[in-house]
Amino acid sequence: MHLRLEVKITARDYLDANFLHGGYRARLIYALVTISIMIVIRCLEGDFTDWLLWLLTLGLGVFSSGLFWIIWPVTVSRRTARIYAQTKELHWPYTMEITDDGVIISSPNRGEWKVSWAEAHKWKSNDKIILVYLSDRMFRMFPRRWFASDADFQDLKNLLLKTIGLPGKARKIK
């Protein structure tokens, strides 16, 4: 595989990457922790006979979790828009060459550097973007819109499957 792309990260690319990166895990953990805390508080009160209070406790836990589930995308959107505006490097255009060995990134502002697929920790994707992780929190993004065709986007996914492994599965870096 060899693709040469002239690219620029947009605010929308950055938002899509953060939604994929954050995923449902953070929201699910918050929901479970909230409901668990409500149940523990009820248990500490020691009254196990009043089922109406138990249902109210569970209902409040589900309500607050649901509220967070709805608010989370808004807070992520605002936070990522602010970070995107602050990080000038994200606004610069650059050239990206995708090869079987890795990716070569060159920018008039930053020079050239190569990231080997062997250095990648894991990867994940959805229909809008591919994230290749260099650590648990640091990733390179490859938005679908950068590719001339769906076949090129799928070719990158196939290459990552072959070189890094299954999506979402972290591997040990040697």
N, C-alpha and C. Protein backbone atom coordinates (compact mmCIF):
# COMPACT_ATOMS: atom_id res chain seq x y z
N MET A 1 0.85 -1.18 0.00
CA MET A 1 0.00 0.00 0.00
C MET A 1 0.89 1.24 0.00
N HIS A 2 0.53 2.20 -0.80
CA HIS A 2 1.22 3.47 -0.79
C HIS A 2 0.23 4.56 -1.19
N LEU A 3 -0.09 5.41 -0.22
CA LEU A 3 -0.98 6.53 -0.46
C LEU A 3 -0.29 7.82 -0.04
N ARG A 4 -0.42 8.83 -0.85
CA ARG A 4 0.10 10.15 -0.49
C ARG A 4 -1.11 11.07 -0.36
N LEU A 5 -1.26 11.66 0.81
CA LEU A 5 -2.41 12.50 1.09
C LEU A 5 -1.97 13.90 1.51
N GLU A 6 -2.60 14.90 0.95
CA GLU A 6 -2.44 16.28 1.41
C GLU A 6 -3.60 16.52 2.37
N VAL A 7 -3.29 16.75 3.64
CA VAL A 7 -4.34 16.73 4.66
C VAL A 7 -4.29 17.96 5.56
N LYS A 8 -5.42 18.18 6.21
CA LYS A 8 -5.55 19.19 7.24
C LYS A 8 -6.64 18.72 8.18
N ILE A 9 -6.36 18.79 9.46
CA ILE A 9 -7.33 18.38 10.47
C ILE A 9 -8.30 19.53 10.69
N THR A 10 -9.60 19.23 10.62
CA THR A 10 -10.62 20.24 10.90
C THR A 10 -11.13 20.05 12.32
N ALA A 11 -11.88 21.01 12.79
CA ALA A 11 -12.49 20.91 14.12
C ALA A 11 -13.41 19.68 14.18
N ARG A 12 -14.09 19.40 13.08
CA ARG A 12 -15.00 18.24 13.04
C ARG A 12 -14.21 16.93 13.12
N ASP A 13 -13.06 16.85 12.42
CA ASP A 13 -12.22 15.65 12.51
C ASP A 13 -11.80 15.41 13.96
N TYR A 14 -11.38 16.50 14.62
CA TYR A 14 -10.92 16.41 16.00
C TYR A 14 -12.06 15.96 16.92
N LEU A 15 -13.25 16.47 16.67
CA LEU A 15 -14.42 16.07 17.47
C LEU A 15 -14.75 14.60 17.23
N ASP A 16 -14.77 14.18 15.96
CA ASP A 16 -15.04 12.76 15.65
C ASP A 16 -14.02 11.85 16.33
N ALA A 17 -12.76 12.27 16.32
CA ALA A 17 -11.70 11.47 16.97
C ALA A 17 -11.94 11.37 18.47
N ASN A 18 -12.34 12.47 19.09
CA ASN A 18 -12.57 12.45 20.53
C ASN A 18 -13.80 11.63 20.91
N PHE A 19 -14.83 11.67 20.08
CA PHE A 19 -15.99 10.82 20.34
C PHE A 19 -15.62 9.34 20.24
N LEU A 20 -14.85 9.00 19.22
CA LEU A 20 -14.43 7.60 19.08
C LEU A 20 -13.50 7.21 20.21
N HIS A 21 -12.57 8.09 20.55
CA HIS A 21 -11.63 7.81 21.64
C HIS A 21 -12.35 7.61 22.97
N GLY A 22 -13.27 8.52 23.30
CA GLY A 22 -13.99 8.45 24.57
C GLY A 22 -14.98 7.30 24.59
N GLY A 23 -15.59 7.06 23.47
CA GLY A 23 -16.53 5.97 23.33
C GLY A 23 -17.63 5.97 24.37
N TYR A 24 -18.18 4.82 24.57
CA TYR A 24 -19.26 4.67 25.54
C TYR A 24 -18.73 4.28 26.91
N ARG A 25 -17.47 3.92 26.99
CA ARG A 25 -16.91 3.42 28.25
C ARG A 25 -17.06 4.44 29.38
N ALA A 26 -16.68 5.69 29.14
CA ALA A 26 -16.75 6.71 30.19
C ALA A 26 -18.18 6.92 30.65
N ARG A 27 -19.10 6.98 29.71
CA ARG A 27 -20.51 7.18 30.08
C ARG A 27 -21.06 5.98 30.82
N LEU A 28 -20.70 4.78 30.38
CA LEU A 28 -21.19 3.57 31.05
C LEU A 28 -20.63 3.47 32.47
N ILE A 29 -19.35 3.77 32.62
CA ILE A 29 -18.74 3.73 33.95
C ILE A 29 -19.43 4.74 34.87
N TYR A 30 -19.66 5.95 34.38
CA TYR A 30 -20.34 6.95 35.19
C TYR A 30 -21.72 6.47 35.61
N ALA A 31 -22.47 5.90 34.66
CA ALA A 31 -23.81 5.42 34.99
C ALA A 31 -23.76 4.34 36.06
N LEU A 32 -22.87 3.37 35.92
CA LEU A 32 -22.78 2.29 36.90
C LEU A 32 -22.31 2.79 38.26
N VAL A 33 -21.35 3.70 38.28
CA VAL A 33 -20.88 4.26 39.55
C VAL A 33 -21.99 5.05 40.23
N THR A 34 -22.73 5.85 39.48
CA THR A 34 -23.82 6.64 40.06
C THR A 34 -24.88 5.74 40.69
N ILE A 35 -25.31 4.74 39.96
CA ILE A 35 -26.33 3.82 40.49
C ILE A 35 -25.78 3.06 41.69
N SER A 36 -24.53 2.64 41.63
CA SER A 36 -23.92 1.91 42.76
C SER A 36 -23.85 2.78 44.00
N ILE A 37 -23.46 4.03 43.85
CA ILE A 37 -23.38 4.93 45.00
C ILE A 37 -24.75 5.12 45.63
N MET A 38 -25.76 5.29 44.81
CA MET A 38 -27.12 5.45 45.33
C MET A 38 -27.54 4.20 46.11
N ILE A 39 -27.22 3.03 45.61
CA ILE A 39 -27.59 1.78 46.29
C ILE A 39 -26.81 1.63 47.58
N VAL A 40 -25.52 1.97 47.58
CA VAL A 40 -24.70 1.88 48.80
C VAL A 40 -25.26 2.82 49.87
N ILE A 41 -25.64 4.02 49.48
CA ILE A 41 -26.22 4.96 50.45
C ILE A 41 -27.48 4.38 51.07
N ARG A 42 -28.31 3.78 50.24
CA ARG A 42 -29.54 3.14 50.77
C ARG A 42 -29.19 2.00 51.73
N CYS A 43 -28.18 1.22 51.38
CA CYS A 43 -27.78 0.10 52.25
C CYS A 43 -27.24 0.60 53.59
N LEU A 44 -26.51 1.70 53.56
CA LEU A 44 -25.94 2.25 54.80
C LEU A 44 -27.03 2.77 55.74
N GLU A 45 -28.14 3.20 55.16
CA GLU A 45 -29.25 3.65 56.00
C GLU A 45 -29.89 2.48 56.74
N GLY A 46 -29.72 1.29 56.24
CA GLY A 46 -30.15 0.09 56.95
C GLY A 46 -31.62 -0.28 56.82
N ASP A 47 -32.40 0.49 56.11
CA ASP A 47 -33.82 0.17 55.98
C ASP A 47 -34.03 -0.58 54.67
N PHE A 48 -34.18 -1.90 54.80
CA PHE A 48 -34.33 -2.75 53.62
C PHE A 48 -35.79 -3.10 53.31
N THR A 49 -36.69 -2.57 54.13
CA THR A 49 -38.09 -2.98 53.98
C THR A 49 -38.90 -2.03 53.11
N ASP A 50 -38.46 -0.81 52.97
CA ASP A 50 -39.23 0.18 52.22
C ASP A 50 -38.88 0.12 50.73
N TRP A 51 -39.64 -0.66 49.97
CA TRP A 51 -39.36 -0.87 48.56
C TRP A 51 -39.59 0.39 47.73
N LEU A 52 -40.47 1.26 48.20
CA LEU A 52 -40.70 2.51 47.49
C LEU A 52 -39.43 3.37 47.49
N LEU A 53 -38.73 3.44 48.62
CA LEU A 53 -37.47 4.19 48.68
C LEU A 53 -36.41 3.54 47.81
N TRP A 54 -36.40 2.21 47.76
CA TRP A 54 -35.43 1.51 46.90
C TRP A 54 -35.69 1.84 45.43
N LEU A 55 -36.96 1.84 45.04
CA LEU A 55 -37.30 2.18 43.65
C LEU A 55 -36.97 3.65 43.35
N LEU A 56 -37.23 4.54 44.33
CA LEU A 56 -36.89 5.94 44.17
C LEU A 56 -35.38 6.11 44.02
N THR A 57 -34.61 5.41 44.83
CA THR A 57 -33.15 5.47 44.75
C THR A 57 -32.66 5.01 43.38
N LEU A 58 -33.18 3.87 42.95
CA LEU A 58 -32.79 3.36 41.64
C LEU A 58 -33.22 4.32 40.53
N GLY A 59 -34.41 4.87 40.65
CA GLY A 59 -34.91 5.83 39.66
C GLY A 59 -34.04 7.08 39.60
N LEU A 60 -33.62 7.60 40.75
CA LEU A 60 -32.74 8.76 40.77
C LEU A 60 -31.38 8.43 40.14
N GLY A 61 -30.88 7.24 40.42
CA GLY A 61 -29.61 6.82 39.81
C GLY A 61 -29.72 6.72 38.31
N VAL A 62 -30.79 6.13 37.83
CA VAL A 62 -30.99 6.00 36.38
C VAL A 62 -31.21 7.37 35.74
N PHE A 63 -31.97 8.24 36.43
CA PHE A 63 -32.22 9.59 35.91
C PHE A 63 -30.92 10.38 35.79
N SER A 64 -30.11 10.38 36.85
CA SER A 64 -28.86 11.15 36.80
C SER A 64 -27.90 10.56 35.76
N SER A 65 -27.89 9.24 35.63
CA SER A 65 -27.06 8.61 34.61
C SER A 65 -27.54 8.98 33.21
N GLY A 66 -28.84 8.97 33.01
CA GLY A 66 -29.41 9.35 31.72
C GLY A 66 -29.13 10.80 31.38
N LEU A 67 -29.21 11.67 32.40
CA LEU A 67 -28.90 13.08 32.19
C LEU A 67 -27.44 13.25 31.75
N PHE A 68 -26.54 12.53 32.42
CA PHE A 68 -25.14 12.58 32.03
C PHE A 68 -24.96 12.05 30.61
N TRP A 69 -25.66 10.99 30.26
CA TRP A 69 -25.57 10.39 28.92
C TRP A 69 -25.94 11.41 27.85
N ILE A 70 -26.91 12.28 28.16
CA ILE A 70 -27.35 13.30 27.21
C ILE A 70 -26.38 14.49 27.20
N ILE A 71 -25.89 14.89 28.36
CA ILE A 71 -25.03 16.08 28.47
C ILE A 71 -23.61 15.80 27.98
N TRP A 72 -23.12 14.58 28.10
CA TRP A 72 -21.74 14.25 27.76
C TRP A 72 -21.32 14.71 26.36
N PRO A 73 -22.12 14.44 25.31
CA PRO A 73 -21.69 14.90 23.97
C PRO A 73 -21.55 16.42 23.87
N VAL A 74 -22.39 17.16 24.59
CA VAL A 74 -22.31 18.62 24.56
C VAL A 74 -21.01 19.07 25.21
N THR A 75 -20.67 18.50 26.34
CA THR A 75 -19.44 18.91 27.03
C THR A 75 -18.20 18.51 26.22
N VAL A 76 -18.23 17.34 25.60
CA VAL A 76 -17.11 16.92 24.77
C VAL A 76 -16.97 17.86 23.57
N SER A 77 -18.08 18.24 22.96
CA SER A 77 -18.04 19.15 21.81
C SER A 77 -17.42 20.49 22.20
N ARG A 78 -17.83 21.03 23.32
CA ARG A 78 -17.28 22.32 23.76
C ARG A 78 -15.81 22.21 24.11
N ARG A 79 -15.46 21.16 24.83
CA ARG A 79 -14.06 20.99 25.24
C ARG A 79 -13.15 20.81 24.03
N THR A 80 -13.55 19.96 23.08
CA THR A 80 -12.69 19.71 21.92
C THR A 80 -12.61 20.94 21.02
N ALA A 81 -13.69 21.72 20.92
CA ALA A 81 -13.63 22.96 20.13
C ALA A 81 -12.62 23.93 20.75
N ARG A 82 -12.60 24.02 22.06
CA ARG A 82 -11.66 24.90 22.75
C ARG A 82 -10.22 24.42 22.56
N ILE A 83 -10.00 23.12 22.70
CA ILE A 83 -8.65 22.56 22.54
C ILE A 83 -8.19 22.71 21.10
N TYR A 84 -9.08 22.46 20.15
CA TYR A 84 -8.73 22.63 18.74
C TYR A 84 -8.31 24.07 18.45
N ALA A 85 -9.06 25.03 18.97
CA ALA A 85 -8.73 26.44 18.75
C ALA A 85 -7.39 26.80 19.38
N GLN A 86 -7.06 26.21 20.52
CA GLN A 86 -5.82 26.51 21.22
C GLN A 86 -4.60 25.86 20.57
N THR A 87 -4.78 24.71 19.93
CA THR A 87 -3.66 23.94 19.39
C THR A 87 -3.45 24.31 17.93
N LYS A 88 -2.58 25.27 17.71
CA LYS A 88 -2.36 25.79 16.35
C LYS A 88 -1.81 24.73 15.40
N GLU A 89 -1.05 23.78 15.92
CA GLU A 89 -0.49 22.72 15.09
C GLU A 89 -1.58 21.92 14.37
N LEU A 90 -2.74 21.79 14.99
CA LEU A 90 -3.83 21.05 14.36
C LEU A 90 -4.37 21.77 13.13
N HIS A 91 -4.13 23.07 12.99
CA HIS A 91 -4.66 23.86 11.89
C HIS A 91 -3.75 23.82 10.66
N TRP A 92 -2.52 23.35 10.82
CA TRP A 92 -1.56 23.39 9.71
C TRP A 92 -1.80 22.26 8.72
N PRO A 93 -1.70 22.54 7.43
CA PRO A 93 -1.77 21.47 6.44
C PRO A 93 -0.45 20.68 6.44
N TYR A 94 -0.52 19.42 6.08
CA TYR A 94 0.68 18.60 5.99
C TYR A 94 0.47 17.47 5.00
N THR A 95 1.55 16.80 4.68
CA THR A 95 1.52 15.67 3.76
C THR A 95 1.70 14.39 4.56
N MET A 96 0.94 13.39 4.20
CA MET A 96 1.01 12.11 4.87
C MET A 96 1.17 11.02 3.82
N GLU A 97 2.22 10.23 3.96
CA GLU A 97 2.42 9.07 3.09
C GLU A 97 2.19 7.82 3.91
N ILE A 98 1.20 7.04 3.49
CA ILE A 98 0.88 5.79 4.18
C ILE A 98 1.50 4.66 3.39
N THR A 99 2.35 3.87 4.06
CA THR A 99 3.02 2.74 3.41
C THR A 99 2.76 1.47 4.22
N ASP A 100 3.25 0.36 3.72
CA ASP A 100 3.11 -0.90 4.45
C ASP A 100 3.87 -0.89 5.77
N ASP A 101 4.90 -0.06 5.86
CA ASP A 101 5.74 -0.02 7.07
C ASP A 101 5.25 0.97 8.11
N GLY A 102 4.55 2.01 7.67
CA GLY A 102 4.11 3.03 8.60
C GLY A 102 3.62 4.26 7.87
N VAL A 103 3.73 5.39 8.54
CA VAL A 103 3.28 6.63 7.95
C VAL A 103 4.39 7.67 8.08
N ILE A 104 4.59 8.41 7.01
CA ILE A 104 5.58 9.49 7.00
C ILE A 104 4.80 10.80 6.93
N ILE A 105 5.02 11.65 7.91
CA ILE A 105 4.30 12.91 8.02
C ILE A 105 5.29 14.04 7.77
N SER A 106 4.96 14.93 6.87
CA SER A 106 5.84 16.07 6.64
C SER A 106 5.02 17.36 6.64
N SER A 107 5.61 18.34 7.30
CA SER A 107 4.97 19.63 7.45
C SER A 107 6.01 20.72 7.26
N PRO A 108 5.67 21.77 6.51
CA PRO A 108 6.62 22.87 6.37
C PRO A 108 6.96 23.51 7.72
N ASN A 109 6.05 23.42 8.67
CA ASN A 109 6.25 24.04 9.99
C ASN A 109 7.02 23.14 10.96
N ARG A 110 6.96 21.81 10.77
CA ARG A 110 7.54 20.89 11.75
C ARG A 110 8.56 19.91 11.18
N GLY A 111 8.78 19.91 9.89
CA GLY A 111 9.72 18.97 9.31
C GLY A 111 9.05 17.64 8.98
N GLU A 112 9.83 16.57 9.04
CA GLU A 112 9.33 15.25 8.65
C GLU A 112 9.62 14.25 9.76
N TRP A 113 8.68 13.34 9.98
CA TRP A 113 8.89 12.25 10.91
C TRP A 113 8.12 11.02 10.46
N LYS A 114 8.61 9.88 10.90
CA LYS A 114 8.01 8.61 10.49
C LYS A 114 7.52 7.88 11.73
N VAL A 115 6.35 7.32 11.60
CA VAL A 115 5.78 6.48 12.64
C VAL A 115 5.59 5.09 12.04
N SER A 116 6.28 4.12 12.59
CA SER A 116 6.17 2.74 12.11
C SER A 116 4.93 2.09 12.70
N TRP A 117 4.30 1.21 11.94
CA TRP A 117 3.15 0.48 12.48
C TRP A 117 3.59 -0.39 13.66
N ALA A 118 4.87 -0.77 13.69
CA ALA A 118 5.37 -1.57 14.81
C ALA A 118 5.34 -0.79 16.13
N GLU A 119 5.34 0.53 16.05
CA GLU A 119 5.28 1.37 17.26
C GLU A 119 3.85 1.54 17.77
N ALA A 120 2.88 1.18 16.95
CA ALA A 120 1.48 1.40 17.32
C ALA A 120 1.05 0.45 18.43
N HIS A 121 0.27 0.99 19.32
CA HIS A 121 -0.23 0.25 20.49
C HIS A 121 -1.52 -0.50 20.14
N LYS A 122 -2.43 0.19 19.45
CA LYS A 122 -3.70 -0.39 19.02
C LYS A 122 -4.33 0.57 18.01
N TRP A 123 -5.49 0.18 17.49
CA TRP A 123 -6.23 1.05 16.59
C TRP A 123 -7.71 0.77 16.75
N LYS A 124 -8.51 1.75 16.38
CA LYS A 124 -9.96 1.55 16.33
C LYS A 124 -10.54 2.47 15.27
N SER A 125 -11.74 2.16 14.85
CA SER A 125 -12.34 2.95 13.77
C SER A 125 -13.86 2.91 13.85
N ASN A 126 -14.45 3.83 13.13
CA ASN A 126 -15.88 3.78 12.85
C ASN A 126 -16.03 4.20 11.38
N ASP A 127 -17.21 4.55 10.96
CA ASP A 127 -17.39 4.89 9.54
C ASP A 127 -16.83 6.26 9.17
N LYS A 128 -16.43 7.09 10.17
CA LYS A 128 -15.92 8.43 9.90
C LYS A 128 -14.42 8.57 10.03
N ILE A 129 -13.79 7.74 10.87
CA ILE A 129 -12.40 8.01 11.22
C ILE A 129 -11.70 6.74 11.70
N ILE A 130 -10.40 6.69 11.53
CA ILE A 130 -9.54 5.63 12.08
C ILE A 130 -8.57 6.31 13.04
N LEU A 131 -8.41 5.73 14.21
CA LEU A 131 -7.43 6.20 15.19
C LEU A 131 -6.37 5.13 15.36
N VAL A 132 -5.11 5.52 15.23
CA VAL A 132 -3.98 4.62 15.47
C VAL A 132 -3.28 5.14 16.72
N TYR A 133 -3.30 4.32 17.77
CA TYR A 133 -2.77 4.73 19.07
C TYR A 133 -1.28 4.42 19.19
N LEU A 134 -0.54 5.43 19.65
CA LEU A 134 0.88 5.25 19.95
C LEU A 134 1.05 4.99 21.45
N SER A 135 0.03 5.28 22.23
CA SER A 135 -0.06 4.95 23.66
C SER A 135 -1.55 4.90 23.98
N ASP A 136 -1.88 4.73 25.25
CA ASP A 136 -3.31 4.66 25.60
C ASP A 136 -4.08 5.94 25.26
N ARG A 137 -3.41 7.07 25.27
CA ARG A 137 -4.08 8.35 25.06
C ARG A 137 -3.63 9.13 23.83
N MET A 138 -2.50 8.78 23.26
CA MET A 138 -1.99 9.52 22.10
C MET A 138 -2.26 8.74 20.82
N PHE A 139 -2.87 9.41 19.87
CA PHE A 139 -3.23 8.72 18.63
C PHE A 139 -3.01 9.63 17.43
N ARG A 140 -2.91 8.98 16.27
CA ARG A 140 -2.91 9.66 14.97
C ARG A 140 -4.29 9.40 14.37
N MET A 141 -4.87 10.41 13.79
CA MET A 141 -6.20 10.25 13.21
C MET A 141 -6.14 10.23 11.69
N PHE A 142 -7.02 9.44 11.10
CA PHE A 142 -7.14 9.32 9.65
C PHE A 142 -8.63 9.43 9.30
N PRO A 143 -9.14 10.66 9.14
CA PRO A 143 -10.56 10.82 8.80
C PRO A 143 -10.89 10.23 7.43
N ARG A 144 -12.05 9.71 7.28
CA ARG A 144 -12.52 9.11 6.03
C ARG A 144 -12.44 10.12 4.87
N ARG A 145 -12.71 11.38 5.17
CA ARG A 145 -12.75 12.39 4.11
C ARG A 145 -11.40 12.63 3.45
N TRP A 146 -10.31 12.19 4.10
CA TRP A 146 -8.98 12.35 3.51
C TRP A 146 -8.75 11.41 2.33
N PHE A 147 -9.50 10.34 2.26
CA PHE A 147 -9.26 9.29 1.27
C PHE A 147 -10.12 9.51 0.03
N ALA A 148 -9.52 9.22 -1.12
CA ALA A 148 -10.21 9.43 -2.40
C ALA A 148 -11.39 8.48 -2.57
N SER A 149 -11.32 7.31 -1.93
CA SER A 149 -12.40 6.34 -2.11
C SER A 149 -12.60 5.52 -0.84
N ASP A 150 -13.74 4.88 -0.76
CA ASP A 150 -14.01 3.96 0.35
C ASP A 150 -13.01 2.81 0.34
N ALA A 151 -12.58 2.41 -0.86
CA ALA A 151 -11.62 1.31 -0.98
C ALA A 151 -10.29 1.67 -0.32
N ASP A 152 -9.82 2.91 -0.49
CA ASP A 152 -8.58 3.34 0.14
C ASP A 152 -8.71 3.34 1.66
N PHE A 153 -9.86 3.82 2.14
CA PHE A 153 -10.12 3.83 3.59
C PHE A 153 -10.12 2.40 4.13
N GLN A 154 -10.78 1.50 3.40
CA GLN A 154 -10.83 0.10 3.81
C GLN A 154 -9.46 -0.56 3.70
N ASP A 155 -8.67 -0.17 2.70
CA ASP A 155 -7.31 -0.71 2.57
C ASP A 155 -6.46 -0.38 3.79
N LEU A 156 -6.61 0.83 4.31
CA LEU A 156 -5.87 1.19 5.53
C LEU A 156 -6.33 0.32 6.70
N LYS A 157 -7.63 0.11 6.83
CA LYS A 157 -8.13 -0.77 7.89
C LYS A 157 -7.55 -2.17 7.75
N ASN A 158 -7.51 -2.69 6.54
CA ASN A 158 -6.95 -4.02 6.30
C ASN A 158 -5.47 -4.08 6.64
N LEU A 159 -4.74 -3.03 6.28
CA LEU A 159 -3.32 -2.95 6.61
C LEU A 159 -3.11 -2.94 8.13
N LEU A 160 -3.92 -2.16 8.83
CA LEU A 160 -3.81 -2.11 10.29
C LEU A 160 -4.18 -3.44 10.93
N LEU A 161 -5.16 -4.10 10.37
CA LEU A 161 -5.53 -5.43 10.86
C LEU A 161 -4.36 -6.40 10.71
N LYS A 162 -3.67 -6.31 9.59
CA LYS A 162 -2.54 -7.19 9.32
C LYS A 162 -1.31 -6.84 10.16
N THR A 163 -1.04 -5.55 10.35
CA THR A 163 0.20 -5.14 11.02
C THR A 163 0.05 -4.94 12.53
N ILE A 164 -1.12 -4.50 12.99
CA ILE A 164 -1.31 -4.23 14.42
C ILE A 164 -2.17 -5.29 15.08
N GLY A 165 -3.19 -5.75 14.39
CA GLY A 165 -4.08 -6.76 14.95
C GLY A 165 -5.52 -6.28 14.95
N LEU A 166 -6.34 -6.94 15.73
CA LEU A 166 -7.76 -6.61 15.79
C LEU A 166 -7.97 -5.21 16.35
N PRO A 167 -8.98 -4.48 15.85
CA PRO A 167 -9.24 -3.14 16.37
C PRO A 167 -9.63 -3.18 17.85
N GLY A 168 -9.12 -2.20 18.59
CA GLY A 168 -9.44 -2.09 20.01
C GLY A 168 -8.62 -2.97 20.91
N LYS A 169 -7.86 -3.90 20.37
CA LYS A 169 -7.05 -4.81 21.17
C LYS A 169 -5.65 -4.25 21.30
N ALA A 170 -5.27 -3.88 22.52
CA ALA A 170 -3.92 -3.36 22.74
C ALA A 170 -2.91 -4.49 22.66
N ARG A 171 -1.76 -4.17 22.10
CA ARG A 171 -0.70 -5.17 22.03
C ARG A 171 0.52 -4.63 22.78
N LYS A 172 1.34 -5.53 23.21
CA LYS A 172 2.56 -5.12 23.91
C LYS A 172 3.57 -4.67 22.88
N ILE A 173 4.17 -3.53 23.13
CA ILE A 173 5.19 -2.98 22.26
C ILE A 173 6.55 -3.53 22.72
N LYS A 174 7.29 -4.05 21.78
CA LYS A 174 8.59 -4.65 22.12
C LYS A 174 9.66 -3.60 22.26
